[in-house]
Amino acid sequence: MSKLEEKELKSLQENQGKINQVVSNIGAISIQKINLENSKESLLEELKKIEAEQIELKKELEDKYGKISVNLQSGEFEIIPEEAEIVK
């Protein structure tokens, strides 16, 4: 059986090592992508819950104070006047 020169074999081995490393990196990136998607889904669910809580809090405040506009920095609010009904 014939044999490659040492330099040729070394080049083939080095390239195969590089290929293996790239394939491994692709696998790691795929796993990271899955983990990021899972994190994104969890965060979107959390956002929905927080938005629902915000809607409920606004409803409670509206029941207590009427329609208001709140300054989130100071806590001050202004009552939003209801538009008069147009009589035809």
C-alpha atoms as a PDB file:
ATOM      1  CA  MET A   1       0.000   0.000   0.000  1.00  0.00           C
ATOM      2  CA  SER A   2       1.250   3.465  -0.877  1.00  0.00           C
ATOM      3  CA  LYS A   3       1.552   6.198   1.685  1.00  0.00           C
ATOM      4  CA  LEU A   4       1.128   9.981   1.522  1.00  0.00           C
ATOM      5  CA  GLU A   5       4.012  12.237   2.236  1.00  0.00           C
ATOM      6  CA  GLU A   6       4.079  13.516   5.817  1.00  0.00           C
ATOM      7  CA  LYS A   7       3.373  17.102   4.656  1.00  0.00           C
ATOM      8  CA  GLU A   8       0.302  15.979   2.643  1.00  0.00           C
ATOM      9  CA  LEU A   9      -1.068  13.926   5.529  1.00  0.00           C
ATOM     10  CA  LYS A  10      -0.509  16.796   7.951  1.00  0.00           C
ATOM     11  CA  SER A  11      -2.402  19.201   5.638  1.00  0.00           C
ATOM     12  CA  LEU A  12      -5.319  16.774   5.347  1.00  0.00           C
ATOM     13  CA  GLN A  13      -5.418  16.287   9.121  1.00  0.00           C
ATOM     14  CA  GLU A  14      -5.276  20.031   9.793  1.00  0.00           C
ATOM     15  CA  ASN A  15      -8.111  20.706   7.344  1.00  0.00           C
ATOM     16  CA  GLN A  16     -10.196  17.913   8.847  1.00  0.00           C
ATOM     17  CA  GLY A  17      -9.593  19.408  12.288  1.00  0.00           C
ATOM     18  CA  LYS A  18     -10.765  22.803  10.997  1.00  0.00           C
ATOM     19  CA  ILE A  19     -13.859  21.216   9.459  1.00  0.00           C
ATOM     20  CA  ASN A  20     -14.640  19.463  12.751  1.00  0.00           C
ATOM     21  CA  GLN A  21     -14.234  22.730  14.664  1.00  0.00           C
ATOM     22  CA  VAL A  22     -16.552  24.619  12.281  1.00  0.00           C
ATOM     23  CA  VAL A  23     -19.174  21.864  12.493  1.00  0.00           C
ATOM     24  CA  SER A  24     -18.891  21.941  16.282  1.00  0.00           C
ATOM     25  CA  ASN A  25     -19.319  25.736  16.272  1.00  0.00           C
ATOM     26  CA  ILE A  26     -22.397  25.420  14.052  1.00  0.00           C
ATOM     27  CA  GLY A  27     -23.867  22.957  16.542  1.00  0.00           C
ATOM     28  CA  ALA A  28     -23.131  25.278  19.453  1.00  0.00           C
ATOM     29  CA  ILE A  29     -24.728  28.191  17.615  1.00  0.00           C
ATOM     30  CA  SER A  30     -27.800  26.068  16.887  1.00  0.00           C
ATOM     31  CA  ILE A  31     -28.144  25.261  20.582  1.00  0.00           C
ATOM     32  CA  GLN A  32     -27.685  28.936  21.485  1.00  0.00           C
ATOM     33  CA  LYS A  33     -30.360  29.851  18.951  1.00  0.00           C
ATOM     34  CA  ILE A  34     -32.806  27.384  20.519  1.00  0.00           C
ATOM     35  CA  ASN A  35     -32.020  28.747  23.984  1.00  0.00           C
ATOM     36  CA  LEU A  36     -32.519  32.319  22.766  1.00  0.00           C
ATOM     37  CA  GLU A  37     -35.866  31.408  21.198  1.00  0.00           C
ATOM     38  CA  ASN A  38     -36.956  29.790  24.458  1.00  0.00           C
ATOM     39  CA  SER A  39     -35.871  32.882  26.387  1.00  0.00           C
ATOM     40  CA  LYS A  40     -37.718  35.097  23.929  1.00  0.00           C
ATOM     41  CA  GLU A  41     -40.912  33.053  24.347  1.00  0.00           C
ATOM     42  CA  SER A  42     -40.640  33.260  28.139  1.00  0.00           C
ATOM     43  CA  LEU A  43     -40.119  37.012  27.969  1.00  0.00           C
ATOM     44  CA  LEU A  44     -43.083  37.455  25.626  1.00  0.00           C
ATOM     45  CA  GLU A  45     -45.281  35.520  28.073  1.00  0.00           C
ATOM     46  CA  GLU A  46     -44.004  37.679  30.931  1.00  0.00           C
ATOM     47  CA  LEU A  47     -44.713  40.812  28.875  1.00  0.00           C
ATOM     48  CA  LYS A  48     -48.303  39.679  28.269  1.00  0.00           C
ATOM     49  CA  LYS A  49     -48.805  39.152  32.014  1.00  0.00           C
ATOM     50  CA  ILE A  50     -47.373  42.568  32.853  1.00  0.00           C
ATOM     51  CA  GLU A  51     -49.495  44.252  30.171  1.00  0.00           C
ATOM     52  CA  ALA A  52     -52.607  42.515  31.573  1.00  0.00           C
ATOM     53  CA  GLU A  53     -51.694  43.769  35.059  1.00  0.00           C
ATOM     54  CA  GLN A  54     -51.236  47.288  33.649  1.00  0.00           C
ATOM     55  CA  ILE A  55     -54.658  47.171  31.991  1.00  0.00           C
ATOM     56  CA  GLU A  56     -56.249  46.000  35.246  1.00  0.00           C
ATOM     57  CA  LEU A  57     -54.493  48.736  37.236  1.00  0.00           C
ATOM     58  CA  LYS A  58     -55.641  51.381  34.754  1.00  0.00           C
ATOM     59  CA  LYS A  59     -59.198  50.078  35.066  1.00  0.00           C
ATOM     60  CA  GLU A  60     -59.016  50.281  38.881  1.00  0.00           C
ATOM     61  CA  LEU A  61     -57.684  53.838  38.694  1.00  0.00           C
ATOM     62  CA  GLU A  62     -60.381  54.801  36.200  1.00  0.00           C
ATOM     63  CA  ASP A  63     -63.053  53.338  38.498  1.00  0.00           C
ATOM     64  CA  LYS A  64     -61.642  55.385  41.381  1.00  0.00           C
ATOM     65  CA  TYR A  65     -60.762  58.686  39.650  1.00  0.00           C
ATOM     66  CA  GLY A  66     -62.539  58.583  36.295  1.00  0.00           C
ATOM     67  CA  LYS A  67     -60.632  58.973  33.038  1.00  0.00           C
ATOM     68  CA  ILE A  68     -57.249  60.461  33.871  1.00  0.00           C
ATOM     69  CA  SER A  69     -53.872  61.202  32.373  1.00  0.00           C
ATOM     70  CA  VAL A  70     -51.047  60.343  34.781  1.00  0.00           C
ATOM     71  CA  ASN A  71     -47.562  61.820  34.920  1.00  0.00           C
ATOM     72  CA  LEU A  72     -45.506  58.708  35.715  1.00  0.00           C
ATOM     73  CA  GLN A  73     -42.621  60.802  37.055  1.00  0.00           C
ATOM     74  CA  SER A  74     -44.524  62.823  39.642  1.00  0.00           C
ATOM     75  CA  GLY A  75     -47.705  60.803  40.164  1.00  0.00           C
ATOM     76  CA  GLU A  76     -49.808  63.833  39.367  1.00  0.00           C
ATOM     77  CA  PHE A  77     -52.846  63.305  37.196  1.00  0.00           C
ATOM     78  CA  GLU A  78     -55.343  65.344  35.249  1.00  0.00           C
ATOM     79  CA  ILE A  79     -58.926  64.374  34.683  1.00  0.00           C
ATOM     80  CA  ILE A  80     -59.734  63.904  31.028  1.00  0.00           C
ATOM     81  CA  PRO A  81     -63.013  65.691  30.368  1.00  0.00           C
ATOM     82  CA  GLU A  82     -65.656  63.533  28.765  1.00  0.00           C
ATOM     83  CA  GLU A  83     -66.862  64.853  25.439  1.00  0.00           C
ATOM     84  CA  ALA A  84     -70.417  66.084  25.518  1.00  0.00           C
ATOM     85  CA  GLU A  85     -72.837  63.961  23.556  1.00  0.00           C
ATOM     86  CA  ILE A  86     -73.904  65.460  20.280  1.00  0.00           C
ATOM     87  CA  VAL A  87     -77.695  65.702  20.094  1.00  0.00           C
ATOM     88  CA  LYS A  88     -79.192  65.467  16.632  1.00  0.00           C
END
